[in-house]
């Protein structure tokens, strides 16, 4: 009887693994990078500060041109036991930081009039030291005897937005500081029968929105410093 249960359990686990393969087996780092690249028309945008001519934006983050993203698959945990199996698979996509910086600048420019009025002829130098710039397609599964609990979701980057600033007047820095904005991003559950492409598209939309929200909060704090 015990031997039969073991055989049934191994069969159930094998079927579960095959199901996982059928669901996400076509998702490879190369496919993910190609799809993400298509969403940005295969181009890394250049920083445009035309609406804020007195503001310069740069970053201390390592840039990976000309790639839009760099993806990899990781197995964080895999525990195969007789009565319990557990795995944690992730397809991690790291975006070119210039994509995040571009979103930051775009959101910054929507408040250009207020920023320029506060500067009153002075110059502002901003250096982005940290910003969300990745996401992961996650599969977490637990199998206890014949009970399978699986979570598929897209995990955003929970990094803070960290920007140092320097106010320049008459070619001299008269004030400097650092502003940190906490991320409010949340995991994105994958709906029934939803494909990985649709999931990634939704995540990229949420990513743009999150950068915009964090930038608005940054500007609010910055205006108090100017």
Protein backbone atom coordinates (compact mmCIF):
# COMPACT_ATOMS: atom_id res chain seq x y z
CA UNK A 1 0.00 0.00 0.00
CA UNK A 2 2.77 2.43 0.94
CA UNK A 3 4.68 1.54 -2.23
CA UNK A 4 1.53 2.23 -4.29
CA UNK A 5 1.07 5.62 -2.63
CA UNK A 6 4.68 6.50 -3.38
CA UNK A 7 4.21 5.58 -7.05
CA UNK A 8 1.01 7.65 -7.22
CA UNK A 9 2.76 10.58 -5.58
CA UNK A 10 5.69 10.42 -8.01
CA UNK A 11 3.21 10.31 -10.90
CA UNK A 12 1.32 13.32 -9.52
CA UNK A 13 4.54 15.29 -9.09
CA UNK A 14 5.63 14.37 -12.63
CA UNK A 15 2.32 15.57 -14.05
CA UNK A 16 2.65 18.82 -12.09
CA UNK A 17 6.14 19.43 -13.43
CA UNK A 18 4.96 18.74 -16.97
CA UNK A 19 2.14 21.23 -16.42
CA UNK A 20 4.65 23.81 -15.27
CA UNK A 21 6.73 23.18 -18.38
CA UNK A 22 3.72 23.59 -20.65
CA UNK A 23 2.73 26.83 -18.90
CA UNK A 24 6.07 28.60 -18.82
CA UNK A 25 8.49 26.38 -20.69
CA UNK A 26 8.37 28.65 -23.74
CA UNK A 27 9.43 31.57 -21.55
CA UNK A 28 13.21 31.83 -21.81
CA UNK A 29 15.51 34.77 -21.00
CA UNK A 30 15.98 35.33 -24.73
CA UNK A 31 12.22 35.37 -25.38
CA UNK A 32 11.64 37.70 -22.44
CA UNK A 33 14.30 40.17 -23.61
CA UNK A 34 12.94 40.10 -27.16
CA UNK A 35 9.39 40.78 -25.99
CA UNK A 36 10.43 43.57 -23.61
CA UNK A 37 12.51 45.14 -26.37
CA UNK A 38 9.44 45.20 -28.65
CA UNK A 39 7.51 47.11 -25.98
CA UNK A 40 10.09 49.90 -26.20
CA UNK A 41 10.45 49.72 -30.00
CA UNK A 42 13.96 48.35 -29.55
CA UNK A 43 15.38 51.72 -28.49
CA UNK A 44 16.81 53.08 -25.26
CA UNK A 45 15.42 56.63 -24.93
CA UNK A 46 17.64 59.64 -24.42
CA UNK A 47 17.06 62.00 -21.52
CA UNK A 48 15.09 65.06 -22.62
CA UNK A 49 15.08 68.02 -20.23
CA UNK A 50 13.84 70.67 -22.71
CA UNK A 51 10.94 71.60 -20.46
CA UNK A 52 13.27 71.97 -17.49
CA UNK A 53 16.36 73.70 -18.98
CA UNK A 54 17.70 74.63 -15.53
CA UNK A 55 17.61 71.02 -14.37
CA UNK A 56 20.22 68.41 -15.29
CA UNK A 57 19.57 64.72 -14.64
CA UNK A 58 22.20 62.00 -14.58
CA UNK A 59 22.65 58.67 -12.84
CA UNK A 60 25.35 56.81 -10.98
CA UNK A 61 23.80 53.46 -11.97
CA UNK A 62 25.68 51.19 -14.37
CA UNK A 63 24.27 51.45 -17.89
CA UNK A 64 24.04 48.42 -20.16
CA UNK A 65 23.64 49.90 -23.67
CA UNK A 66 22.46 49.08 -26.20
CA UNK A 67 20.39 46.33 -24.56
CA UNK A 68 16.85 47.13 -23.43
CA UNK A 69 17.01 44.45 -20.77
CA UNK A 70 19.02 41.51 -19.48
CA UNK A 71 17.09 38.47 -18.28
CA UNK A 72 18.01 35.27 -16.49
CA UNK A 73 16.28 32.24 -15.02
CA UNK A 74 17.00 31.30 -11.41
CA UNK A 75 15.96 28.41 -9.21
CA UNK A 76 15.97 29.89 -5.74
CA UNK A 77 14.79 26.72 -4.05
CA UNK A 78 14.02 23.13 -5.02
CA UNK A 79 13.13 20.54 -2.36
CA UNK A 80 12.12 17.08 -3.68
CA UNK A 81 11.04 14.80 -0.81
CA UNK A 82 8.79 11.76 -0.74
CA UNK A 83 5.71 13.47 0.72
CA UNK A 84 6.66 17.10 0.09
CA UNK A 85 7.96 18.99 -2.93
CA UNK A 86 8.71 22.67 -3.13
CA UNK A 87 10.20 24.88 -5.84
CA UNK A 88 10.69 28.58 -6.48
CA UNK A 89 11.49 29.43 -10.10
CA UNK A 90 12.04 32.98 -11.31
CA UNK A 91 12.59 34.61 -14.67
CA UNK A 92 14.24 37.89 -13.67
CA UNK A 93 14.30 40.79 -16.12
CA UNK A 94 16.65 43.70 -15.36
CA UNK A 95 15.79 46.77 -17.40
CA UNK A 96 18.28 49.25 -18.77
CA UNK A 97 18.35 52.03 -16.11
CA UNK A 98 17.84 54.64 -18.82
CA UNK A 99 14.25 53.41 -19.22
CA UNK A 100 13.54 54.27 -15.59
CA UNK A 101 15.47 57.53 -15.82
CA UNK A 102 13.42 58.52 -18.88
CA UNK A 103 10.18 57.88 -16.98
CA UNK A 104 11.56 59.93 -14.10
CA UNK A 105 12.39 62.86 -16.39
CA UNK A 106 9.02 62.68 -18.18
CA UNK A 107 7.17 62.86 -14.88
CA UNK A 108 9.52 65.60 -13.70
CA UNK A 109 8.72 67.68 -16.80
CA UNK A 110 4.98 67.63 -16.04
CA UNK A 111 5.79 69.85 -13.06
CA UNK A 112 8.34 71.97 -14.92
CA UNK A 113 6.55 75.27 -14.37
CA UNK A 114 6.47 74.83 -10.59
CA UNK A 115 10.10 73.67 -10.43
CA UNK A 116 11.38 76.50 -12.64
CA UNK A 117 9.48 79.07 -10.58
CA UNK A 118 11.06 77.76 -7.40
CA UNK A 119 14.55 77.76 -8.91
CA UNK A 120 14.16 81.42 -9.89
CA UNK A 121 17.16 81.38 -12.21
CA UNK A 122 19.27 78.96 -10.20
CA UNK A 123 20.44 75.59 -11.57
CA UNK A 124 19.53 72.18 -10.21
CA UNK A 125 21.64 69.05 -10.61
CA UNK A 126 19.95 65.71 -9.92
CA UNK A 127 21.72 62.36 -9.73
CA UNK A 128 19.55 59.24 -9.59
CA UNK A 129 21.37 56.80 -7.32
CA UNK A 130 18.64 54.16 -7.11
CA UNK A 131 15.37 53.50 -8.92
CA UNK A 132 13.15 50.45 -9.59
CA UNK A 133 14.38 48.76 -12.75
CA UNK A 134 13.49 45.08 -12.78
CA UNK A 135 10.70 42.53 -12.34
CA UNK A 136 10.42 38.76 -12.04
CA UNK A 137 8.00 36.15 -13.39
CA UNK A 138 7.62 33.85 -10.35
CA UNK A 139 6.39 30.28 -9.88
CA UNK A 140 6.17 29.03 -6.28
CA UNK A 141 4.76 25.54 -5.80
CA UNK A 142 4.23 23.31 -2.75
CA UNK A 143 3.07 19.69 -3.12
CA UNK A 144 2.08 17.81 0.03
CA UNK A 145 0.98 14.28 -0.79
CA UNK A 146 -1.65 14.94 -3.51
CA UNK A 147 -2.37 18.55 -2.63
CA UNK A 148 -0.73 21.15 -4.86
CA UNK A 149 -0.56 24.84 -3.97
CA UNK A 150 0.86 26.97 -6.79
CA UNK A 151 1.36 30.71 -7.04
CA UNK A 152 2.16 32.36 -10.36
CA UNK A 153 2.74 36.09 -10.17
CA UNK A 154 4.88 38.93 -11.44
CA UNK A 155 7.02 40.49 -8.74
CA UNK A 156 8.01 44.16 -9.25
CA UNK A 157 11.20 45.81 -8.09
CA UNK A 158 10.68 47.13 -4.57
CA UNK A 159 13.72 49.43 -4.65
CA UNK A 160 13.36 52.97 -3.36
CA UNK A 161 13.85 56.03 -5.52
CA UNK A 162 17.00 57.72 -4.24
CA UNK A 163 18.07 61.05 -5.76
CA UNK A 164 20.78 63.45 -4.66
CA UNK A 165 20.36 67.10 -5.54
CA UNK A 166 22.59 70.13 -5.73
CA UNK A 167 21.40 73.73 -6.11
CA UNK A 168 23.81 75.91 -8.10
CA UNK A 169 23.92 79.70 -7.94
CA UNK A 170 26.67 81.79 -9.55
CA UNK A 171 28.52 78.57 -10.44
CA UNK A 172 28.69 77.50 -6.78
CA UNK A 173 26.70 74.87 -4.90
CA UNK A 174 24.66 76.63 -2.22
CA UNK A 175 22.74 73.58 -1.02
CA UNK A 176 22.79 69.81 -1.48
CA UNK A 177 21.02 66.79 -0.10
CA UNK A 178 19.44 63.40 -0.74
CA UNK A 179 15.77 62.48 -1.07
CA UNK A 180 14.45 58.91 -0.69
CA UNK A 181 10.99 57.84 -1.82
CA UNK A 182 9.63 54.43 -0.83
CA UNK A 183 8.15 52.21 -3.51
CA UNK A 184 4.45 51.34 -3.28
CA UNK A 185 4.54 48.62 -5.96
CA UNK A 186 2.71 45.33 -5.35
CA UNK A 187 2.91 41.81 -6.71
CA UNK A 188 0.72 41.24 -9.75
CA UNK A 189 -1.27 38.00 -9.69
CA UNK A 190 -1.53 36.12 -12.96
CA UNK A 191 -5.12 35.45 -13.96
CA UNK A 192 -6.41 32.07 -15.05
CA UNK A 193 -5.29 31.25 -18.62
CA UNK A 194 -3.33 34.52 -18.82
CA UNK A 195 -0.11 34.17 -20.83
CA UNK A 196 3.29 35.47 -19.83
CA UNK A 197 3.27 38.15 -22.53
CA UNK A 198 0.08 39.68 -21.23
CA UNK A 199 1.44 39.49 -17.68
CA UNK A 200 4.64 41.28 -18.65
CA UNK A 201 2.74 43.96 -20.59
CA UNK A 202 0.62 44.70 -17.53
CA UNK A 203 3.71 44.77 -15.32
CA UNK A 204 5.47 47.26 -17.61
CA UNK A 205 2.38 49.48 -17.44
CA UNK A 206 2.42 49.27 -13.64
CA UNK A 207 6.16 49.96 -13.69
CA UNK A 208 5.68 53.21 -15.64
CA UNK A 209 2.89 54.26 -13.29
CA UNK A 210 4.97 53.49 -10.20
CA UNK A 211 7.92 55.57 -11.43
CA UNK A 212 5.51 58.42 -12.15
CA UNK A 213 4.00 58.27 -8.67
CA UNK A 214 7.40 58.11 -6.97
CA UNK A 215 8.62 61.06 -9.04
CA UNK A 216 5.64 63.18 -8.03
CA UNK A 217 6.38 62.40 -4.38
CA UNK A 218 10.03 63.28 -4.99
CA UNK A 219 9.12 66.65 -6.52
CA UNK A 220 6.86 67.38 -3.56
CA UNK A 221 9.79 66.83 -1.18
CA UNK A 222 12.20 68.65 -3.48
CA UNK A 223 10.07 71.80 -3.63
CA UNK A 224 10.38 72.11 0.13
CA UNK A 225 14.17 72.10 -0.26
CA UNK A 226 14.37 74.73 -3.01
